[in-house]
Amino acid sequence: MFGNPYLKSILWLVSFGGIGYGLMLLTEPNAEKIERIKASARGHPNQTDDEKKKALFMKRLQEAANTSAPIYRTPTGDKRD
């Protein structure tokens, strides 16, 4: 029965798929943790310069992910070559 390579492949596929799905459900954050993450991402009034740079970079990266235009083609305002 287990000599058939197709049966073995399907068995391994189902096994690893089930393990992956179980781990996904196990590591899923609850609603309270998601709200806490969102609140910390909004920023604190007493951030250091490094934290402000990181927040600005993450904001720029998120904007780039939401648009179809490449990030290097978007106008940046006062930057000159």
PDB file of N, CA and C in Angstrom:
ATOM      1  N   MET A   1       0.817  -1.196   0.000  1.00  0.00           N
ATOM      2  CA  MET A   1       0.000   0.000   0.000  1.00  0.00           C
ATOM      3  C   MET A   1       0.865   1.266   0.000  1.00  0.00           C
ATOM      4  N   PHE A   2       1.896   1.283   0.853  1.00  0.00           N
ATOM      5  CA  PHE A   2       2.740   2.472   0.926  1.00  0.00           C
ATOM      6  C   PHE A   2       3.889   2.426  -0.077  1.00  0.00           C
ATOM      7  N   GLY A   3       3.864   1.461  -0.965  1.00  0.00           N
ATOM      8  CA  GLY A   3       4.868   1.389  -2.012  1.00  0.00           C
ATOM      9  C   GLY A   3       4.546   2.317  -3.171  1.00  0.00           C
ATOM     10  N   ASN A   4       3.312   2.747  -3.255  1.00  0.00           N
ATOM     11  CA  ASN A   4       2.878   3.620  -4.340  1.00  0.00           C
ATOM     12  C   ASN A   4       3.393   5.045  -4.088  1.00  0.00           C
ATOM     13  N   PRO A   5       4.215   5.592  -4.987  1.00  0.00           N
ATOM     14  CA  PRO A   5       4.776   6.932  -4.756  1.00  0.00           C
ATOM     15  C   PRO A   5       3.715   8.037  -4.788  1.00  0.00           C
ATOM     16  N   TYR A   6       2.660   7.842  -5.556  1.00  0.00           N
ATOM     17  CA  TYR A   6       1.603   8.858  -5.611  1.00  0.00           C
ATOM     18  C   TYR A   6       0.850   8.933  -4.288  1.00  0.00           C
ATOM     19  N   LEU A   7       0.602   7.788  -3.693  1.00  0.00           N
ATOM     20  CA  LEU A   7      -0.076   7.753  -2.403  1.00  0.00           C
ATOM     21  C   LEU A   7       0.799   8.388  -1.321  1.00  0.00           C
ATOM     22  N   LYS A   8       2.099   8.091  -1.368  1.00  0.00           N
ATOM     23  CA  LYS A   8       3.027   8.698  -0.412  1.00  0.00           C
ATOM     24  C   LYS A   8       3.058  10.217  -0.574  1.00  0.00           C
ATOM     25  N   SER A   9       3.085  10.670  -1.822  1.00  0.00           N
ATOM     26  CA  SER A   9       3.130  12.112  -2.076  1.00  0.00           C
ATOM     27  C   SER A   9       1.886  12.801  -1.539  1.00  0.00           C
ATOM     28  N   ILE A  10       0.734  12.205  -1.778  1.00  0.00           N
ATOM     29  CA  ILE A  10      -0.517  12.793  -1.282  1.00  0.00           C
ATOM     30  C   ILE A  10      -0.540  12.778   0.236  1.00  0.00           C
ATOM     31  N   LEU A  11      -0.065  11.692   0.837  1.00  0.00           N
ATOM     32  CA  LEU A  11      -0.024  11.598   2.295  1.00  0.00           C
ATOM     33  C   LEU A  11       0.889  12.674   2.889  1.00  0.00           C
ATOM     34  N   TRP A  12       2.075  12.874   2.302  1.00  0.00           N
ATOM     35  CA  TRP A  12       2.993  13.910   2.783  1.00  0.00           C
ATOM     36  C   TRP A  12       2.403  15.305   2.576  1.00  0.00           C
ATOM     37  N   LEU A  13       1.765  15.516   1.436  1.00  0.00           N
ATOM     38  CA  LEU A  13       1.159  16.810   1.143  1.00  0.00           C
ATOM     39  C   LEU A  13       0.075  17.146   2.160  1.00  0.00           C
ATOM     40  N   VAL A  14      -0.789  16.190   2.440  1.00  0.00           N
ATOM     41  CA  VAL A  14      -1.862  16.414   3.410  1.00  0.00           C
ATOM     42  C   VAL A  14      -1.279  16.610   4.808  1.00  0.00           C
ATOM     43  N   SER A  15      -0.260  15.844   5.153  1.00  0.00           N
ATOM     44  CA  SER A  15       0.353  15.967   6.483  1.00  0.00           C
ATOM     45  C   SER A  15       0.975  17.344   6.687  1.00  0.00           C
ATOM     46  N   PHE A  16       1.813  17.759   5.750  1.00  0.00           N
ATOM     47  CA  PHE A  16       2.468  19.058   5.900  1.00  0.00           C
ATOM     48  C   PHE A  16       1.478  20.203   5.765  1.00  0.00           C
ATOM     49  N   GLY A  17       0.479  20.038   4.917  1.00  0.00           N
ATOM     50  CA  GLY A  17      -0.561  21.062   4.813  1.00  0.00           C
ATOM     51  C   GLY A  17      -1.324  21.202   6.114  1.00  0.00           C
ATOM     52  N   GLY A  18      -1.632  20.092   6.755  1.00  0.00           N
ATOM     53  CA  GLY A  18      -2.329  20.126   8.040  1.00  0.00           C
ATOM     54  C   GLY A  18      -1.477  20.742   9.134  1.00  0.00           C
ATOM     55  N   ILE A  19      -0.200  20.405   9.151  1.00  0.00           N
ATOM     56  CA  ILE A  19       0.706  20.996  10.145  1.00  0.00           C
ATOM     57  C   ILE A  19       0.814  22.500   9.928  1.00  0.00           C
ATOM     58  N   GLY A  20       0.952  22.917   8.682  1.00  0.00           N
ATOM     59  CA  GLY A  20       1.036  24.350   8.381  1.00  0.00           C
ATOM     60  C   GLY A  20      -0.226  25.087   8.779  1.00  0.00           C
ATOM     61  N   TYR A  21      -1.374  24.497   8.491  1.00  0.00           N
ATOM     62  CA  TYR A  21      -2.648  25.126   8.851  1.00  0.00           C
ATOM     63  C   TYR A  21      -2.796  25.214  10.369  1.00  0.00           C
ATOM     64  N   GLY A  22      -2.406  24.157  11.064  1.00  0.00           N
ATOM     65  CA  GLY A  22      -2.468  24.167  12.523  1.00  0.00           C
ATOM     66  C   GLY A  22      -1.562  25.229  13.126  1.00  0.00           C
ATOM     67  N   LEU A  23      -0.358  25.373  12.597  1.00  0.00           N
ATOM     68  CA  LEU A  23       0.556  26.406  13.090  1.00  0.00           C
ATOM     69  C   LEU A  23       0.037  27.805  12.782  1.00  0.00           C
ATOM     70  N   MET A  24      -0.616  27.965  11.625  1.00  0.00           N
ATOM     71  CA  MET A  24      -1.190  29.263  11.287  1.00  0.00           C
ATOM     72  C   MET A  24      -2.277  29.640  12.295  1.00  0.00           C
ATOM     73  N   LEU A  25      -3.132  28.686  12.643  1.00  0.00           N
ATOM     74  CA  LEU A  25      -4.184  28.962  13.620  1.00  0.00           C
ATOM     75  C   LEU A  25      -3.606  29.194  15.012  1.00  0.00           C
ATOM     76  N   LEU A  26      -2.533  28.488  15.329  1.00  0.00           N
ATOM     77  CA  LEU A  26      -1.914  28.620  16.645  1.00  0.00           C
ATOM     78  C   LEU A  26      -1.272  29.986  16.841  1.00  0.00           C
ATOM     79  N   THR A  27      -0.676  30.536  15.796  1.00  0.00           N
ATOM     80  CA  THR A  27       0.042  31.803  15.924  1.00  0.00           C
ATOM     81  C   THR A  27      -0.794  33.015  15.541  1.00  0.00           C
ATOM     82  N   GLU A  28      -2.074  32.842  15.241  1.00  0.00           N
ATOM     83  CA  GLU A  28      -2.929  33.965  14.856  1.00  0.00           C
ATOM     84  C   GLU A  28      -3.176  34.869  16.066  1.00  0.00           C
ATOM     85  N   PRO A  29      -2.918  36.173  15.951  1.00  0.00           N
ATOM     86  CA  PRO A  29      -3.138  37.068  17.090  1.00  0.00           C
ATOM     87  C   PRO A  29      -4.629  37.337  17.295  1.00  0.00           C
ATOM     88  N   ASN A  30      -5.002  37.585  18.553  1.00  0.00           N
ATOM     89  CA  ASN A  30      -6.402  37.898  18.834  1.00  0.00           C
ATOM     90  C   ASN A  30      -6.666  39.376  18.562  1.00  0.00           C
ATOM     91  N   ALA A  31      -7.925  39.787  18.661  1.00  0.00           N
ATOM     92  CA  ALA A  31      -8.312  41.161  18.321  1.00  0.00           C
ATOM     93  C   ALA A  31      -7.631  42.181  19.239  1.00  0.00           C
ATOM     94  N   GLU A  32      -7.462  41.838  20.517  1.00  0.00           N
ATOM     95  CA  GLU A  32      -6.824  42.761  21.460  1.00  0.00           C
ATOM     96  C   GLU A  32      -5.366  43.021  21.072  1.00  0.00           C
ATOM     97  N   LYS A  33      -4.660  41.974  20.687  1.00  0.00           N
ATOM     98  CA  LYS A  33      -3.258  42.130  20.300  1.00  0.00           C
ATOM     99  C   LYS A  33      -3.137  42.930  19.006  1.00  0.00           C
ATOM    100  N   ILE A  34      -4.062  42.736  18.072  1.00  0.00           N
ATOM    101  CA  ILE A  34      -4.041  43.497  16.825  1.00  0.00           C
ATOM    102  C   ILE A  34      -4.247  44.977  17.109  1.00  0.00           C
ATOM    103  N   GLU A  35      -5.174  45.309  17.998  1.00  0.00           N
ATOM    104  CA  GLU A  35      -5.404  46.714  18.361  1.00  0.00           C
ATOM    105  C   GLU A  35      -4.179  47.315  19.043  1.00  0.00           C
ATOM    106  N   ARG A  36      -3.510  46.528  19.870  1.00  0.00           N
ATOM    107  CA  ARG A  36      -2.302  47.013  20.540  1.00  0.00           C
ATOM    108  C   ARG A  36      -1.189  47.290  19.528  1.00  0.00           C
ATOM    109  N   ILE A  37      -1.068  46.429  18.532  1.00  0.00           N
ATOM    110  CA  ILE A  37      -0.057  46.624  17.490  1.00  0.00           C
ATOM    111  C   ILE A  37      -0.373  47.871  16.675  1.00  0.00           C
ATOM    112  N   LYS A  38      -1.650  48.052  16.330  1.00  0.00           N
ATOM    113  CA  LYS A  38      -2.048  49.237  15.569  1.00  0.00           C
ATOM    114  C   LYS A  38      -1.797  50.512  16.370  1.00  0.00           C
ATOM    115  N   ALA A  39      -2.071  50.473  17.677  1.00  0.00           N
ATOM    116  CA  ALA A  39      -1.855  51.647  18.519  1.00  0.00           C
ATOM    117  C   ALA A  39      -0.370  51.983  18.618  1.00  0.00           C
ATOM    118  N   SER A  40       0.473  50.975  18.688  1.00  0.00           N
ATOM    119  CA  SER A  40       1.909  51.251  18.776  1.00  0.00           C
ATOM    120  C   SER A  40       2.462  51.721  17.436  1.00  0.00           C
ATOM    121  N   ALA A  41       1.827  51.339  16.342  1.00  0.00           N
ATOM    122  CA  ALA A  41       2.295  51.761  15.018  1.00  0.00           C
ATOM    123  C   ALA A  41       1.935  53.212  14.726  1.00  0.00           C
ATOM    124  N   ARG A  42       0.932  53.736  15.389  1.00  0.00           N
ATOM    125  CA  ARG A  42       0.541  55.132  15.162  1.00  0.00           C
ATOM    126  C   ARG A  42       1.610  56.100  15.646  1.00  0.00           C
ATOM    127  N   GLY A  43       2.372  55.687  16.604  1.00  0.00           N
ATOM    128  CA  GLY A  43       3.478  56.529  17.055  1.00  0.00           C
ATOM    129  C   GLY A  43       3.226  57.133  18.424  1.00  0.00           C
ATOM    130  N   HIS A  44       4.300  57.459  19.076  1.00  0.00           N
ATOM    131  CA  HIS A  44       4.255  58.089  20.383  1.00  0.00           C
ATOM    132  C   HIS A  44       4.769  59.517  20.251  1.00  0.00           C
ATOM    133  N   PRO A  45       4.288  60.430  21.083  1.00  0.00           N
ATOM    134  CA  PRO A  45       4.744  61.815  20.967  1.00  0.00           C
ATOM    135  C   PRO A  45       6.211  62.006  21.334  1.00  0.00           C
ATOM    136  N   ASN A  46       6.776  61.140  22.141  1.00  0.00           N
ATOM    137  CA  ASN A  46       8.171  61.306  22.559  1.00  0.00           C
ATOM    138  C   ASN A  46       9.072  60.264  21.887  1.00  0.00           C
ATOM    139  N   GLN A  47       9.019  60.199  20.558  1.00  0.00           N
ATOM    140  CA  GLN A  47       9.861  59.281  19.804  1.00  0.00           C
ATOM    141  C   GLN A  47      11.252  59.874  19.599  1.00  0.00           C
ATOM    142  N   THR A  48      12.227  58.995  19.517  1.00  0.00           N
ATOM    143  CA  THR A  48      13.575  59.446  19.187  1.00  0.00           C
ATOM    144  C   THR A  48      13.662  59.675  17.679  1.00  0.00           C
ATOM    145  N   ASP A  49      14.750  60.284  17.251  1.00  0.00           N
ATOM    146  CA  ASP A  49      14.933  60.551  15.819  1.00  0.00           C
ATOM    147  C   ASP A  49      14.978  59.258  15.010  1.00  0.00           C
ATOM    148  N   ASP A  50      15.638  58.250  15.575  1.00  0.00           N
ATOM    149  CA  ASP A  50      15.735  56.975  14.870  1.00  0.00           C
ATOM    150  C   ASP A  50      14.355  56.334  14.707  1.00  0.00           C
ATOM    151  N   GLU A  51      13.539  56.393  15.754  1.00  0.00           N
ATOM    152  CA  GLU A  51      12.187  55.834  15.674  1.00  0.00           C
ATOM    153  C   GLU A  51      11.328  56.613  14.682  1.00  0.00           C
ATOM    154  N   LYS A  52      11.527  57.922  14.614  1.00  0.00           N
ATOM    155  CA  LYS A  52      10.778  58.734  13.649  1.00  0.00           C
ATOM    156  C   LYS A  52      11.167  58.377  12.219  1.00  0.00           C
ATOM    157  N   LYS A  53      12.480  58.155  11.998  1.00  0.00           N
ATOM    158  CA  LYS A  53      12.943  57.764  10.665  1.00  0.00           C
ATOM    159  C   LYS A  53      12.362  56.412  10.263  1.00  0.00           C
ATOM    160  N   LYS A  54      12.341  55.484  11.212  1.00  0.00           N
ATOM    161  CA  LYS A  54      11.787  54.163  10.925  1.00  0.00           C
ATOM    162  C   LYS A  54      10.296  54.260  10.618  1.00  0.00           C
ATOM    163  N   ALA A  55       9.581  55.081  11.381  1.00  0.00           N
ATOM    164  CA  ALA A  55       8.147  55.249  11.151  1.00  0.00           C
ATOM    165  C   ALA A  55       7.882  55.890   9.796  1.00  0.00           C
ATOM    166  N   LEU A  56       8.694  56.872   9.431  1.00  0.00           N
ATOM    167  CA  LEU A  56       8.541  57.519   8.132  1.00  0.00           C
ATOM    168  C   LEU A  56       8.840  56.541   6.995  1.00  0.00           C
ATOM    169  N   PHE A  57       9.870  55.725   7.177  1.00  0.00           N
ATOM    170  CA  PHE A  57      10.201  54.721   6.174  1.00  0.00           C
ATOM    171  C   PHE A  57       9.072  53.705   6.024  1.00  0.00           C
ATOM    172  N   MET A  58       8.506  53.255   7.139  1.00  0.00           N
ATOM    173  CA  MET A  58       7.417  52.287   7.080  1.00  0.00           C
ATOM    174  C   MET A  58       6.180  52.888   6.427  1.00  0.00           C
ATOM    175  N   LYS A  59       5.917  54.170   6.695  1.00  0.00           N
ATOM    176  CA  LYS A  59       4.779  54.840   6.070  1.00  0.00           C
ATOM    177  C   LYS A  59       4.992  54.920   4.562  1.00  0.00           C
ATOM    178  N   ARG A  60       6.196  55.271   4.159  1.00  0.00           N
ATOM    179  CA  ARG A  60       6.522  55.382   2.729  1.00  0.00           C
ATOM    180  C   ARG A  60       6.430  54.015   2.046  1.00  0.00           C
ATOM    181  N   LEU A  61       6.877  52.988   2.736  1.00  0.00           N
ATOM    182  CA  LEU A  61       6.812  51.637   2.202  1.00  0.00           C
ATOM    183  C   LEU A  61       5.368  51.167   2.059  1.00  0.00           C
ATOM    184  N   GLN A  62       4.533  51.518   3.034  1.00  0.00           N
ATOM    185  CA  GLN A  62       3.118  51.155   2.964  1.00  0.00           C
ATOM    186  C   GLN A  62       2.428  51.886   1.815  1.00  0.00           C
ATOM    187  N   GLU A  63       2.760  53.159   1.617  1.00  0.00           N
ATOM    188  CA  GLU A  63       2.193  53.910   0.495  1.00  0.00           C
ATOM    189  C   GLU A  63       2.623  53.291  -0.831  1.00  0.00           C
ATOM    190  N   ALA A  64       3.865  52.857  -0.910  1.00  0.00           N
ATOM    191  CA  ALA A  64       4.357  52.239  -2.142  1.00  0.00           C
ATOM    192  C   ALA A  64       3.656  50.907  -2.407  1.00  0.00           C
ATOM    193  N   ALA A  65       3.317  50.202  -1.355  1.00  0.00           N
ATOM    194  CA  ALA A  65       2.630  48.923  -1.529  1.00  0.00           C
ATOM    195  C   ALA A  65       1.193  49.118  -1.987  1.00  0.00           C
ATOM    196  N   ASN A  66       0.597  50.247  -1.639  1.00  0.00           N
ATOM    197  CA  ASN A  66      -0.802  50.492  -1.984  1.00  0.00           C
ATOM    198  C   ASN A  66      -0.985  51.085  -3.371  1.00  0.00           C
ATOM    199  N   THR A  67       0.072  51.582  -3.990  1.00  0.00           N
ATOM    200  CA  THR A  67      -0.039  52.177  -5.319  1.00  0.00           C
ATOM    201  C   THR A  67       0.647  51.282  -6.343  1.00  0.00           C
ATOM    202  N   SER A  68       0.284  51.486  -7.600  1.00  0.00           N
ATOM    203  CA  SER A  68       0.895  50.674  -8.652  1.00  0.00           C
ATOM    204  C   SER A  68       2.140  51.339  -9.243  1.00  0.00           C
ATOM    205  N   ALA A  69       2.347  52.618  -8.953  1.00  0.00           N
ATOM    206  CA  ALA A  69       3.516  53.324  -9.478  1.00  0.00           C
ATOM    207  C   ALA A  69       4.766  52.922  -8.693  1.00  0.00           C
ATOM    208  N   PRO A  70       5.915  52.798  -9.357  1.00  0.00           N
ATOM    209  CA  PRO A  70       7.150  52.469  -8.646  1.00  0.00           C
ATOM    210  C   PRO A  70       7.543  53.597  -7.683  1.00  0.00           C
ATOM    211  N   ILE A  71       8.181  53.241  -6.596  1.00  0.00           N
ATOM    212  CA  ILE A  71       8.528  54.219  -5.566  1.00  0.00           C
ATOM    213  C   ILE A  71       9.568  55.214  -6.075  1.00  0.00           C
ATOM    214  N   TYR A  72      10.408  54.803  -7.010  1.00  0.00           N
ATOM    215  CA  TYR A  72      11.440  55.707  -7.519  1.00  0.00           C
ATOM    216  C   TYR A  72      10.891  56.699  -8.528  1.00  0.00           C
ATOM    217  N   ARG A  73       9.652  56.565  -8.956  1.00  0.00           N
ATOM    218  CA  ARG A  73       9.061  57.504  -9.909  1.00  0.00           C
ATOM    219  C   ARG A  73       8.126  58.504  -9.251  1.00  0.00           C
ATOM    220  N   THR A  74       7.829  58.341  -7.979  1.00  0.00           N
ATOM    221  CA  THR A  74       6.910  59.255  -7.307  1.00  0.00           C
ATOM    222  C   THR A  74       7.629  60.548  -6.958  1.00  0.00           C
ATOM    223  N   PRO A  75       6.972  61.690  -7.081  1.00  0.00           N
ATOM    224  CA  PRO A  75       7.609  62.964  -6.714  1.00  0.00           C
ATOM    225  C   PRO A  75       7.782  63.052  -5.202  1.00  0.00           C
ATOM    226  N   THR A  76       8.940  63.551  -4.775  1.00  0.00           N
ATOM    227  CA  THR A  76       9.222  63.637  -3.343  1.00  0.00           C
ATOM    228  C   THR A  76       9.190  65.063  -2.825  1.00  0.00           C
ATOM    229  N   GLY A  77       8.931  66.031  -3.653  1.00  0.00           N
ATOM    230  CA  GLY A  77       8.825  67.405  -3.172  1.00  0.00           C
ATOM    231  C   GLY A  77      10.103  68.177  -3.333  1.00  0.00           C
ATOM    232  N   ASP A  78      10.835  68.379  -2.234  1.00  0.00           N
ATOM    233  CA  ASP A  78      11.999  69.267  -2.259  1.00  0.00           C
ATOM    234  C   ASP A  78      13.306  68.557  -2.619  1.00  0.00           C
ATOM    235  N   LYS A  79      13.292  67.295  -2.942  1.00  0.00           N
ATOM    236  CA  LYS A  79      14.515  66.577  -3.280  1.00  0.00           C
ATOM    237  C   LYS A  79      14.926  66.886  -4.709  1.00  0.00           C
ATOM    238  N   ARG A  80      16.197  67.193  -4.906  1.00  0.00           N
ATOM    239  CA  ARG A  80      16.708  67.504  -6.244  1.00  0.00           C
ATOM    240  C   ARG A  80      17.915  66.649  -6.538  1.00  0.00           C
ATOM    241  N   ASP A  81      18.053  66.286  -7.802  1.00  0.00           N
ATOM    242  CA  ASP A  81      19.192  65.451  -8.216  1.00  0.00           C
ATOM    243  C   ASP A  81      20.401  66.287  -8.547  1.00  0.00           C
TER     244      ASP A  81
END
